[in-house]
Amino acid sequence: MSFSKKRMRWVSAAAVPLLIALTACSANAPEVGGEEQVRVAFLNVSAANTYMASARDAMTDYADEENVKITDFDAKFDAAVQANQIQDVISSGQYQGVILTALDGAGMVPAVQEALDAGLEVVVLNQVVGDKFDTADPQVDGVAASVLSPPEITGERLGQLTVDACADIDPCRVVYMFGLKGTAFDNAVRAGFDSSVADAKNVEIVAEPEGGFLGTDEPLKATQDVIQATPEFDVLVGSGDQQVKGAQLALADAGMFSVKLIGVGGSEPAIAGIKDGTWFGTIALAPADEGRFAIEAMVAAIRDSKKTGGIDAVEDLPGAGLITSDNVDDFTAQWKG
C-alpha cells in the first residue's frame, strides 16, 4: 500500500466519511450547492514549516470542494502568541470551529475547554493537547477529533531504527538532534527513543544539538559545531527530517559520508536519500492525510454533530512506518522536508 493519495482515500472512507447533512450554520453565510459556508479558524504552529504547509494544502483542497472558509493564524513557534490567538478566535464570534496545532499541549487545555463551552467545535491536529503522548485519542471531553501520530511512539520507532543502524558498530556513537529542546513534542519523542535504545549497550549518545524545524541553516550550523567538538561519530538522528537535511550538508562539507542518517517524517529528501544510500532511514508521517482528516472531521462535527475521535494516519503502514532500503519503494512522500 502506498504512503500517498491512494492511502488517503482508503482511510478517509473508513474513518471520516464525507457528510452532507446540515445541522448548524449561520443563516447569513453564503451557499454553494445548497450547503451553507462553514467558517473555521486554523491555529498553526508555523506557516513557514513545510510539514504544516502540506497539511494546510490538503485542507484547502477539501475546503474548496465543501464550501468551507479557513482563516489562518500563524503562531510562528511562539506559545504565548498562540494563546492570545485562540482567545481572539473565541471572543470574535466569527467561527464555528477551531483546528488547533498546539505548541503547549498541556497549557492549551483550559483554552480548548473555553472554546468548547463557547459552542465551537475543536479538532486537534498533529500535536497533542493534554499530557499523554502515546495515544491519538482526544484528551479533552468534547473535542471532535484528534489527528496525530503519538510522538512517544514515533520516538520508539526512531530508537528502533537507531539500534538497527548500530547493529554492527561497538561502540556506536550517536548524535541526537532535537528540533526545539524543551517542547512537549521533542520531550516525548526523546522519551520514546530512550526507551528503545535502553537495552542497546553499544549505543552511546555523544552530542545533543538543536536544529529547529525551519530550513537547513540552523541544523547545518549545529552540525558544524558538533563536528568541531566531536569529530568522530557513526549515526546522526533527528527528531525531524528537516534537521537531518541540514546536517547532511555539513557532513558532506566535512567529507563525513559514512555517517548513517535517520530522520522523522518520510519527506522527499528522506525517501530520495534512502533510495540512493545517503540516508539509513526515516519514520513515516503523513501531513497531507492529517490535514484532510482534520478538515473532514471538523465539517462532520459542524454539519452532523459527529465526534470522530482519534486518528493516527500512519498506524497501519508497512514495516510499522520504519522506512529503510528494504521497503522504501512502498512509500511516497507527502511533504518537501
Protein backbone atom coordinates (compact mmCIF):
# COMPACT_ATOMS: atom_id res chain seq x y z
CA MET A 1 0.00 0.00 0.00
CA SER A 2 1.38 3.40 -0.96
CA PHE A 3 2.02 6.21 1.52
CA SER A 4 0.24 8.65 -0.79
CA LYS A 5 -3.17 9.76 -2.05
CA LYS A 6 -4.21 6.15 -2.59
CA ARG A 7 -3.88 5.58 1.15
CA MET A 8 -5.63 8.87 1.88
CA ARG A 9 -8.77 7.81 0.01
CA TRP A 10 -8.87 4.41 1.74
CA VAL A 11 -8.53 5.75 5.30
CA SER A 12 -10.88 8.66 4.63
CA ALA A 13 -13.65 6.35 3.50
CA ALA A 14 -13.29 4.17 6.59
CA ALA A 15 -12.59 6.72 9.29
CA VAL A 16 -14.07 10.08 8.32
CA PRO A 17 -16.90 9.73 5.81
CA LEU A 18 -17.94 12.82 3.88
CA LEU A 19 -21.17 14.23 5.25
CA ILE A 20 -23.73 16.44 3.56
CA ALA A 21 -26.39 16.89 6.25
CA LEU A 22 -26.56 20.46 7.53
CA THR A 23 -27.49 20.99 11.16
CA ALA A 24 -25.86 24.21 12.39
CA CYS A 25 -24.63 27.06 10.21
CA SER A 26 -25.13 30.80 10.15
CA ALA A 27 -28.17 32.00 8.22
CA ASN A 28 -26.08 34.77 6.74
CA ALA A 29 -23.35 32.51 5.30
CA PRO A 30 -23.18 32.14 1.51
CA GLU A 31 -24.37 28.88 -0.02
CA VAL A 32 -22.68 26.76 -2.66
CA GLY A 33 -24.52 23.73 -4.00
CA GLY A 34 -27.09 24.06 -1.18
CA GLU A 35 -24.53 23.95 1.64
CA GLU A 36 -24.07 26.99 3.88
CA GLN A 37 -20.49 28.03 4.40
CA VAL A 38 -18.55 26.58 7.33
CA ARG A 39 -16.16 29.04 8.99
CA VAL A 40 -13.05 27.57 10.60
CA ALA A 41 -10.03 29.12 12.33
CA PHE A 42 -6.76 27.26 11.78
CA LEU A 43 -4.25 27.90 14.56
CA ASN A 44 -0.94 26.84 13.03
CA VAL A 45 2.35 26.46 14.89
CA SER A 46 4.18 27.96 11.91
CA ALA A 47 3.04 28.76 8.39
CA ALA A 48 6.69 28.53 7.30
CA ASN A 49 7.01 24.90 8.40
CA THR A 50 6.91 22.69 5.30
CA TYR A 51 5.21 19.81 7.12
CA MET A 52 2.31 22.01 8.17
CA ALA A 53 2.22 23.57 4.70
CA SER A 54 1.42 20.14 3.27
CA ALA A 55 -1.37 19.66 5.80
CA ARG A 56 -2.76 23.12 5.01
CA ASP A 57 -2.76 22.42 1.25
CA ALA A 58 -4.82 19.28 1.82
CA MET A 59 -7.24 21.25 3.98
CA THR A 60 -7.57 23.83 1.20
CA ASP A 61 -8.40 21.20 -1.42
CA TYR A 62 -11.24 19.87 0.72
CA ALA A 63 -12.44 23.33 1.74
CA ASP A 64 -12.77 24.37 -1.89
CA GLU A 65 -14.97 21.33 -2.55
CA GLU A 66 -17.19 21.68 0.51
CA ASN A 67 -17.77 25.44 0.91
CA VAL A 68 -15.50 25.87 3.92
CA LYS A 69 -13.71 29.12 4.70
CA ILE A 70 -10.46 28.65 6.62
CA THR A 71 -8.85 31.65 8.33
CA ASP A 72 -5.19 31.21 9.25
CA PHE A 73 -3.46 32.23 12.48
CA ASP A 74 0.34 31.83 12.48
CA ALA A 75 1.95 31.43 15.91
CA LYS A 76 5.49 31.34 14.47
CA PHE A 77 6.50 28.80 17.12
CA ASP A 78 5.52 31.17 19.95
CA ALA A 79 3.20 29.58 22.52
CA ALA A 80 2.27 32.93 24.05
CA VAL A 81 1.18 34.26 20.66
CA GLN A 82 -0.93 31.16 20.08
CA ALA A 83 -2.58 31.52 23.50
CA ASN A 84 -3.67 35.03 22.55
CA GLN A 85 -4.84 33.87 19.13
CA ILE A 86 -7.26 31.28 20.48
CA GLN A 87 -8.72 33.87 22.83
CA ASP A 88 -9.23 36.20 19.86
CA VAL A 89 -10.97 33.43 17.95
CA ILE A 90 -13.29 32.63 20.84
CA SER A 91 -14.21 36.26 21.54
CA SER A 92 -14.75 37.19 17.89
CA GLY A 93 -17.85 35.06 17.40
CA GLN A 94 -16.89 34.68 13.73
CA TYR A 95 -16.06 30.98 13.69
CA GLN A 96 -17.87 27.71 14.12
CA GLY A 97 -14.77 25.66 14.75
CA VAL A 98 -11.05 25.66 15.56
CA ILE A 99 -8.40 23.36 14.13
CA LEU A 100 -5.51 23.61 16.57
CA THR A 101 -1.87 22.59 16.19
CA ALA A 102 -0.77 23.27 19.73
CA LEU A 103 2.64 24.49 20.83
CA ASP A 104 1.87 23.94 24.51
CA GLY A 105 -0.47 20.97 24.63
CA ALA A 106 -0.96 20.84 28.38
CA GLY A 107 -1.21 24.61 28.66
CA MET A 108 -3.84 24.76 25.92
CA VAL A 109 -6.32 22.50 27.72
CA PRO A 110 -8.17 25.35 29.54
CA ALA A 111 -8.44 27.38 26.32
CA VAL A 112 -9.76 24.38 24.41
CA GLN A 113 -12.35 23.85 27.12
CA GLU A 114 -13.28 27.53 26.89
CA ALA A 115 -13.73 27.20 23.13
CA LEU A 116 -15.97 24.16 23.60
CA ASP A 117 -18.00 25.98 26.26
CA ALA A 118 -18.47 28.85 23.79
CA GLY A 119 -20.03 26.43 21.30
CA LEU A 120 -17.09 25.99 18.95
CA GLU A 121 -16.11 22.61 17.59
CA VAL A 122 -12.43 21.76 18.16
CA VAL A 123 -10.20 19.43 16.16
CA VAL A 124 -6.65 18.76 17.37
CA LEU A 125 -4.09 18.41 14.57
CA ASN A 126 -0.55 16.98 14.66
CA GLN A 127 0.32 17.94 18.24
CA VAL A 128 -1.09 16.54 21.49
CA VAL A 129 -3.47 18.63 23.59
CA GLY A 130 -3.15 17.04 27.02
CA ASP A 131 -0.40 15.18 28.85
CA LYS A 132 -0.46 11.71 27.25
CA PHE A 133 1.93 11.27 24.35
CA ASP A 134 1.36 7.64 23.45
CA THR A 135 -2.16 7.94 22.04
CA ALA A 136 -4.00 9.78 19.26
CA ASP A 137 -7.27 9.85 21.24
CA PRO A 138 -8.71 13.22 22.32
CA GLN A 139 -7.80 14.12 25.90
CA VAL A 140 -10.40 16.86 26.43
CA ASP A 141 -14.03 15.83 26.59
CA GLY A 142 -15.98 17.29 23.69
CA VAL A 143 -13.11 17.55 21.20
CA ALA A 144 -14.44 16.34 17.86
CA ALA A 145 -11.25 14.67 16.65
CA SER A 146 -7.55 14.34 17.38
CA VAL A 147 -5.46 13.67 14.26
CA LEU A 148 -1.82 12.92 15.01
CA SER A 149 0.93 10.35 15.27
CA PRO A 150 1.64 9.91 19.00
CA PRO A 151 5.12 11.40 19.49
CA GLU A 152 6.24 8.92 22.10
CA ILE A 153 5.52 6.07 19.68
CA THR A 154 7.34 7.99 16.94
CA GLY A 155 10.33 8.19 19.28
CA GLU A 156 10.19 4.47 19.96
CA ARG A 157 10.31 3.82 16.23
CA LEU A 158 13.21 6.25 15.87
CA GLY A 159 15.07 4.35 18.56
CA GLN A 160 14.41 1.04 16.82
CA LEU A 161 15.95 2.37 13.60
CA THR A 162 18.95 3.63 15.57
CA VAL A 163 19.52 0.22 17.15
CA ASP A 164 19.34 -1.33 13.67
CA ALA A 165 21.84 1.20 12.29
CA CYS A 166 24.20 0.45 15.19
CA ALA A 167 23.89 -3.33 14.97
CA ASP A 168 27.47 -3.92 13.75
CA ILE A 169 29.15 -0.96 15.48
CA ASP A 170 30.53 -1.07 19.03
CA PRO A 171 30.66 1.49 20.44
CA CYS A 172 28.11 3.22 18.21
CA ARG A 173 28.49 6.97 18.69
CA VAL A 174 25.20 8.75 18.05
CA VAL A 175 24.44 12.44 17.63
CA TYR A 176 20.83 13.10 18.63
CA MET A 177 19.50 16.37 17.18
CA PHE A 178 16.44 17.90 18.79
CA GLY A 179 14.07 20.16 16.90
CA LEU A 180 13.21 22.54 19.75
CA LYS A 181 14.56 21.45 23.12
CA GLY A 182 12.09 21.56 25.97
CA THR A 183 8.94 21.40 23.86
CA ALA A 184 6.39 18.73 24.66
CA PHE A 185 6.83 17.13 21.23
CA ASP A 186 10.61 16.85 21.44
CA ASN A 187 10.48 15.66 25.04
CA ALA A 188 8.02 12.91 24.11
CA VAL A 189 9.97 11.80 21.04
CA ARG A 190 13.17 11.63 23.10
CA ALA A 191 11.44 9.66 25.87
CA GLY A 192 10.28 7.10 23.33
CA PHE A 193 13.73 7.00 21.75
CA ASP A 194 15.42 6.42 25.10
CA SER A 195 13.10 3.53 25.92
CA SER A 196 14.00 1.79 22.64
CA VAL A 197 17.78 2.16 22.96
CA ALA A 198 17.96 1.47 26.70
CA ASP A 199 19.00 -2.15 26.26
CA ALA A 200 21.43 -1.46 23.41
CA LYS A 201 24.67 -1.22 25.39
CA ASN A 202 26.68 -0.28 22.30
CA VAL A 203 24.66 2.91 21.67
CA GLU A 204 26.38 5.99 23.08
CA ILE A 205 24.88 9.50 22.73
CA VAL A 206 27.84 11.81 22.16
CA ALA A 207 26.10 15.11 21.34
CA GLU A 208 22.61 16.63 21.62
CA PRO A 209 22.36 19.75 19.44
CA GLU A 210 19.19 21.63 18.46
CA GLY A 211 18.29 22.06 14.78
CA GLY A 212 14.87 23.71 14.72
CA PHE A 213 12.07 22.91 12.29
CA LEU A 214 12.63 25.61 9.65
CA GLY A 215 15.01 25.10 6.76
CA THR A 216 18.60 23.86 6.68
CA ASP A 217 20.62 26.79 8.06
CA GLU A 218 20.16 26.06 11.77
CA PRO A 219 20.83 22.29 11.65
CA LEU A 220 23.78 22.86 9.28
CA LYS A 221 25.39 25.25 11.78
CA ALA A 222 24.54 22.96 14.70
CA THR A 223 26.20 20.01 12.95
CA GLN A 224 29.28 22.05 12.13
CA ASP A 225 29.60 22.85 15.84
CA VAL A 226 29.22 19.16 16.70
CA ILE A 227 31.92 18.18 14.18
CA GLN A 228 34.33 20.65 15.75
CA ALA A 229 33.69 19.38 19.29
CA THR A 230 33.12 15.68 18.49
CA PRO A 231 34.77 14.90 15.15
CA GLU A 232 34.03 11.17 15.21
CA PHE A 233 30.53 9.68 15.30
CA ASP A 234 28.69 6.95 13.46
CA VAL A 235 25.00 7.88 13.36
CA LEU A 236 23.09 11.17 13.31
CA VAL A 237 19.44 11.09 14.37
CA GLY A 238 16.99 13.97 14.08
CA SER A 239 13.52 14.39 15.55
CA GLY A 240 12.52 15.76 12.13
CA ASP A 241 13.74 15.25 8.57
CA GLN A 242 14.44 19.00 8.37
CA GLN A 243 17.30 18.69 10.85
CA VAL A 244 18.83 15.73 9.04
CA LYS A 245 18.61 17.50 5.68
CA GLY A 246 20.65 20.40 7.08
CA ALA A 247 23.05 18.11 8.91
CA GLN A 248 23.73 16.22 5.69
CA LEU A 249 25.08 19.40 4.09
CA ALA A 250 27.56 19.93 6.94
CA LEU A 251 28.65 16.29 6.87
CA ALA A 252 29.21 16.43 3.12
CA ASP A 253 31.34 19.58 3.50
CA ALA A 254 33.42 17.72 6.11
CA GLY A 255 33.74 14.61 3.94
CA MET A 256 31.90 12.50 6.53
CA PHE A 257 29.89 10.39 4.11
CA SER A 258 29.90 7.25 6.24
CA VAL A 259 27.67 8.70 8.99
CA LYS A 260 24.28 6.98 8.96
CA LEU A 261 21.37 9.45 8.83
CA ILE A 262 17.96 8.82 10.40
CA GLY A 263 15.06 11.27 10.49
CA VAL A 264 11.35 11.58 11.20
CA GLY A 265 8.77 12.43 8.57
CA GLY A 266 9.12 10.37 5.41
CA SER A 267 9.84 13.57 3.43
CA GLU A 268 11.02 13.87 -0.17
CA PRO A 269 14.73 14.25 0.80
CA ALA A 270 14.49 11.29 3.18
CA ILE A 271 12.85 8.98 0.61
CA ALA A 272 15.37 10.04 -2.06
CA GLY A 273 18.27 9.63 0.38
CA ILE A 274 17.24 6.14 1.40
CA LYS A 275 16.95 5.16 -2.25
CA ASP A 276 20.41 6.47 -3.15
CA GLY A 277 22.02 5.19 0.05
CA THR A 278 22.87 8.54 1.66
CA TRP A 279 20.24 8.08 4.41
CA PHE A 280 19.80 4.98 6.55
CA GLY A 281 16.11 5.52 7.30
CA THR A 282 13.23 7.70 8.44
CA ILE A 283 9.95 7.35 10.31
CA ALA A 284 6.88 7.73 8.11
CA LEU A 285 4.47 10.59 8.78
CA ALA A 286 1.53 11.75 6.67
CA PRO A 287 0.89 15.51 6.81
CA ALA A 288 -1.44 15.63 3.81
CA ASP A 289 -3.56 12.80 5.20
CA GLU A 290 -3.62 14.52 8.59
CA GLY A 291 -4.79 17.81 7.10
CA ARG A 292 -7.52 16.12 5.08
CA PHE A 293 -8.75 14.08 8.05
CA ALA A 294 -8.79 17.17 10.28
CA ILE A 295 -10.94 19.30 8.00
CA GLU A 296 -13.26 16.38 7.22
CA ALA A 297 -13.74 15.78 10.94
CA MET A 298 -14.43 19.47 11.51
CA VAL A 299 -17.12 19.61 8.83
CA ALA A 300 -18.63 16.38 10.16
CA ALA A 301 -18.80 17.92 13.64
CA ILE A 302 -20.40 21.16 12.47
CA ARG A 303 -22.82 19.76 9.93
CA ASP A 304 -23.75 16.48 11.58
CA SER A 305 -22.67 16.80 15.25
CA LYS A 306 -20.33 13.84 14.69
CA LYS A 307 -17.42 13.08 17.01
CA THR A 308 -14.73 11.26 15.03
CA GLY A 309 -12.28 10.61 17.88
CA GLY A 310 -8.61 9.70 17.47
CA ILE A 311 -6.95 9.15 14.10
CA ASP A 312 -3.34 8.02 13.65
CA ALA A 313 -2.73 8.36 9.92
CA VAL A 314 0.28 6.03 9.90
CA GLU A 315 -0.61 3.22 12.30
CA ASP A 316 -1.17 0.61 9.56
CA LEU A 317 1.76 1.45 7.28
CA PRO A 318 4.24 -1.18 6.01
CA GLY A 319 7.03 -2.01 8.45
CA ALA A 320 5.18 -0.14 11.22
CA GLY A 321 6.25 3.07 9.48
CA LEU A 322 10.01 2.41 9.71
CA ILE A 323 11.29 3.25 6.24
CA THR A 324 14.59 1.67 5.16
CA SER A 325 16.15 0.47 1.93
CA ASP A 326 14.18 -2.77 2.35
CA ASN A 327 10.76 -1.14 1.94
CA VAL A 328 11.31 2.40 0.66
CA ASP A 329 9.59 1.61 -2.64
CA ASP A 330 6.34 1.12 -0.71
CA PHE A 331 6.27 4.78 0.33
CA THR A 332 5.63 8.11 -1.38
CA ALA A 333 6.50 11.36 0.41
CA GLN A 334 3.71 13.81 1.30
CA TRP A 335 5.90 16.85 2.01
CA LYS A 336 9.10 18.56 0.90
CA GLY A 337 11.09 18.30 4.11
